[in-house]
Amino acid sequence: MADSLIRPRVTTSSHPVPPRLGPYELIQLLATGGMAEVYLARRAGPHGFQKLVAVKRILPTMAEDEEFI
């Protein structure tokens, strides 16, 4: 059902992106802002259960800023 809406991973990020963040498989970059990127991601569960979620990743430059964190 939702798999038909998912395209292969596409990123225009200038920052390296891991294929996974914790239990989430990053599928597609949705948006980039000044502080973070938002990805369509999938979390797999038991018995073939899958859930699509949005994952927000802080940009590395912001993660180094102690005032931001």
N, C-alpha and C. Protein backbone atom coordinates (compact mmCIF):
# COMPACT_ATOMS: atom_id res chain seq x y z
N MET A 1 0.83 -1.17 0.00
CA MET A 1 0.00 0.00 0.00
C MET A 1 0.88 1.23 0.00
N ALA A 2 1.49 1.60 1.14
CA ALA A 2 2.33 2.79 1.20
C ALA A 2 3.62 2.60 0.41
N ASP A 3 4.04 1.34 0.19
CA ASP A 3 5.27 1.10 -0.55
C ASP A 3 5.21 1.67 -1.96
N SER A 4 4.02 1.75 -2.53
CA SER A 4 3.91 2.28 -3.88
C SER A 4 4.21 3.78 -3.90
N LEU A 5 4.15 4.45 -2.76
CA LEU A 5 4.44 5.87 -2.68
C LEU A 5 5.92 6.15 -2.41
N ILE A 6 6.67 5.13 -2.06
CA ILE A 6 8.06 5.30 -1.66
C ILE A 6 8.95 5.20 -2.88
N ARG A 7 9.82 6.19 -3.03
CA ARG A 7 10.79 6.18 -4.12
C ARG A 7 12.15 5.81 -3.55
N PRO A 8 13.09 5.45 -4.39
CA PRO A 8 14.45 5.17 -3.90
C PRO A 8 15.02 6.40 -3.19
N ARG A 9 15.97 6.15 -2.30
CA ARG A 9 16.59 7.23 -1.54
C ARG A 9 17.16 8.28 -2.48
N VAL A 10 16.74 9.52 -2.29
CA VAL A 10 17.24 10.65 -3.05
C VAL A 10 17.62 11.70 -2.03
N THR A 11 18.79 12.25 -2.16
CA THR A 11 19.19 13.29 -1.23
C THR A 11 19.95 14.37 -1.95
N THR A 12 19.65 15.59 -1.60
CA THR A 12 20.42 16.72 -2.11
C THR A 12 21.17 17.36 -0.96
N SER A 13 21.28 16.64 0.14
CA SER A 13 21.97 17.14 1.32
C SER A 13 23.47 17.24 1.04
N SER A 14 24.08 18.28 1.58
CA SER A 14 25.53 18.40 1.45
C SER A 14 26.23 17.67 2.60
N HIS A 15 25.45 17.10 3.51
CA HIS A 15 25.99 16.37 4.65
C HIS A 15 25.80 14.87 4.40
N PRO A 16 26.80 14.06 4.76
CA PRO A 16 26.65 12.60 4.58
C PRO A 16 25.45 12.08 5.38
N VAL A 17 24.69 11.21 4.76
CA VAL A 17 23.50 10.67 5.41
C VAL A 17 23.64 9.16 5.56
N PRO A 18 23.52 8.66 6.79
CA PRO A 18 23.58 7.21 6.97
C PRO A 18 22.31 6.57 6.43
N PRO A 19 22.37 5.30 6.01
CA PRO A 19 21.16 4.64 5.52
C PRO A 19 20.16 4.39 6.65
N ARG A 20 20.65 4.40 7.90
CA ARG A 20 19.78 4.17 9.07
C ARG A 20 20.11 5.19 10.15
N LEU A 21 19.10 5.54 10.90
CA LEU A 21 19.27 6.33 12.13
C LEU A 21 18.56 5.55 13.21
N GLY A 22 19.32 4.88 14.06
CA GLY A 22 18.72 4.01 15.07
C GLY A 22 17.90 2.94 14.39
N PRO A 23 16.65 2.77 14.81
CA PRO A 23 15.82 1.72 14.21
C PRO A 23 15.14 2.13 12.90
N TYR A 24 15.43 3.33 12.41
CA TYR A 24 14.75 3.87 11.24
C TYR A 24 15.59 3.76 9.98
N GLU A 25 15.00 3.26 8.91
CA GLU A 25 15.63 3.22 7.59
C GLU A 25 15.24 4.50 6.88
N LEU A 26 16.21 5.33 6.55
CA LEU A 26 15.92 6.59 5.86
C LEU A 26 15.64 6.28 4.40
N ILE A 27 14.51 6.74 3.90
CA ILE A 27 14.07 6.41 2.55
C ILE A 27 14.27 7.58 1.60
N GLN A 28 13.84 8.78 2.02
CA GLN A 28 13.89 9.92 1.10
C GLN A 28 13.98 11.21 1.90
N LEU A 29 14.82 12.12 1.43
CA LEU A 29 14.89 13.46 2.00
C LEU A 29 13.63 14.22 1.58
N LEU A 30 12.92 14.76 2.56
CA LEU A 30 11.69 15.51 2.26
C LEU A 30 11.94 17.01 2.23
N ALA A 31 12.76 17.50 3.17
CA ALA A 31 12.99 18.94 3.26
C ALA A 31 14.28 19.21 4.02
N THR A 32 14.89 20.35 3.70
CA THR A 32 16.08 20.80 4.42
C THR A 32 15.87 22.25 4.80
N GLY A 33 16.25 22.57 6.04
CA GLY A 33 16.17 23.95 6.51
C GLY A 33 17.53 24.38 7.04
N GLY A 34 17.55 25.48 7.73
CA GLY A 34 18.79 26.01 8.27
C GLY A 34 19.33 25.23 9.44
N MET A 35 18.46 24.46 10.11
CA MET A 35 18.88 23.74 11.30
C MET A 35 18.78 22.23 11.19
N ALA A 36 17.95 21.73 10.27
CA ALA A 36 17.72 20.28 10.25
C ALA A 36 17.24 19.83 8.87
N GLU A 37 17.23 18.50 8.70
CA GLU A 37 16.68 17.85 7.52
C GLU A 37 15.56 16.92 7.99
N VAL A 38 14.54 16.77 7.16
CA VAL A 38 13.43 15.87 7.49
C VAL A 38 13.38 14.78 6.43
N TYR A 39 13.32 13.53 6.90
CA TYR A 39 13.33 12.36 6.03
C TYR A 39 12.06 11.55 6.20
N LEU A 40 11.63 10.93 5.11
CA LEU A 40 10.65 9.86 5.18
C LEU A 40 11.44 8.63 5.60
N ALA A 41 10.97 7.94 6.62
CA ALA A 41 11.69 6.77 7.13
C ALA A 41 10.71 5.65 7.41
N ARG A 42 11.27 4.47 7.56
CA ARG A 42 10.46 3.29 7.84
C ARG A 42 11.02 2.59 9.07
N ARG A 43 10.11 2.14 9.91
CA ARG A 43 10.52 1.32 11.06
C ARG A 43 9.84 -0.03 10.92
N ALA A 44 10.66 -1.07 10.91
CA ALA A 44 10.14 -2.43 10.78
C ALA A 44 9.92 -3.01 12.17
N GLY A 45 8.87 -3.79 12.30
CA GLY A 45 8.55 -4.43 13.57
C GLY A 45 8.36 -5.93 13.38
N PRO A 46 7.86 -6.57 14.40
CA PRO A 46 7.67 -8.02 14.33
C PRO A 46 6.57 -8.41 13.33
N HIS A 47 6.70 -9.60 12.79
CA HIS A 47 5.69 -10.20 11.90
C HIS A 47 5.44 -9.37 10.64
N GLY A 48 6.48 -8.68 10.15
CA GLY A 48 6.35 -7.91 8.92
C GLY A 48 5.71 -6.55 9.09
N PHE A 49 5.41 -6.15 10.32
CA PHE A 49 4.81 -4.84 10.54
C PHE A 49 5.79 -3.74 10.14
N GLN A 50 5.30 -2.72 9.44
CA GLN A 50 6.12 -1.57 9.05
C GLN A 50 5.34 -0.30 9.29
N LYS A 51 6.04 0.73 9.71
CA LYS A 51 5.40 2.02 9.94
C LYS A 51 6.23 3.10 9.27
N LEU A 52 5.58 3.97 8.49
CA LEU A 52 6.26 5.10 7.89
C LEU A 52 6.18 6.27 8.86
N VAL A 53 7.31 6.96 9.02
CA VAL A 53 7.38 8.09 9.93
C VAL A 53 8.22 9.19 9.29
N ALA A 54 8.18 10.37 9.88
CA ALA A 54 9.08 11.46 9.51
C ALA A 54 10.14 11.54 10.60
N VAL A 55 11.40 11.62 10.17
CA VAL A 55 12.52 11.73 11.10
C VAL A 55 13.23 13.05 10.84
N LYS A 56 13.41 13.84 11.88
CA LYS A 56 14.11 15.11 11.76
C LYS A 56 15.52 14.94 12.30
N ARG A 57 16.51 15.26 11.46
CA ARG A 57 17.92 15.11 11.83
C ARG A 57 18.55 16.49 11.90
N ILE A 58 19.12 16.82 13.05
CA ILE A 58 19.81 18.10 13.22
C ILE A 58 21.06 18.09 12.34
N LEU A 59 21.31 19.20 11.64
CA LEU A 59 22.50 19.30 10.81
C LEU A 59 23.75 19.24 11.68
N PRO A 60 24.82 18.62 11.17
CA PRO A 60 26.05 18.50 11.96
C PRO A 60 26.57 19.85 12.46
N THR A 61 26.43 20.89 11.67
CA THR A 61 26.91 22.20 12.11
C THR A 61 26.13 22.70 13.32
N MET A 62 24.86 22.37 13.40
CA MET A 62 24.05 22.78 14.55
C MET A 62 24.31 21.87 15.75
N ALA A 63 24.61 20.61 15.50
CA ALA A 63 24.87 19.67 16.59
C ALA A 63 26.13 20.05 17.36
N GLU A 64 27.04 20.77 16.71
CA GLU A 64 28.27 21.20 17.36
C GLU A 64 28.08 22.48 18.18
N ASP A 65 26.94 23.14 18.01
CA ASP A 65 26.66 24.41 18.70
C ASP A 65 26.04 24.12 20.06
N GLU A 66 26.80 24.32 21.13
CA GLU A 66 26.32 24.01 22.49
C GLU A 66 25.09 24.84 22.86
N GLU A 67 24.98 26.06 22.37
CA GLU A 67 23.82 26.89 22.68
C GLU A 67 22.55 26.35 22.02
N PHE A 68 22.70 25.73 20.84
CA PHE A 68 21.55 25.16 20.14
C PHE A 68 21.05 23.90 20.84
N ILE A 69 22.00 23.05 21.24
CA ILE A 69 21.64 21.79 21.89
C ILE A 69 21.18 22.09 23.30
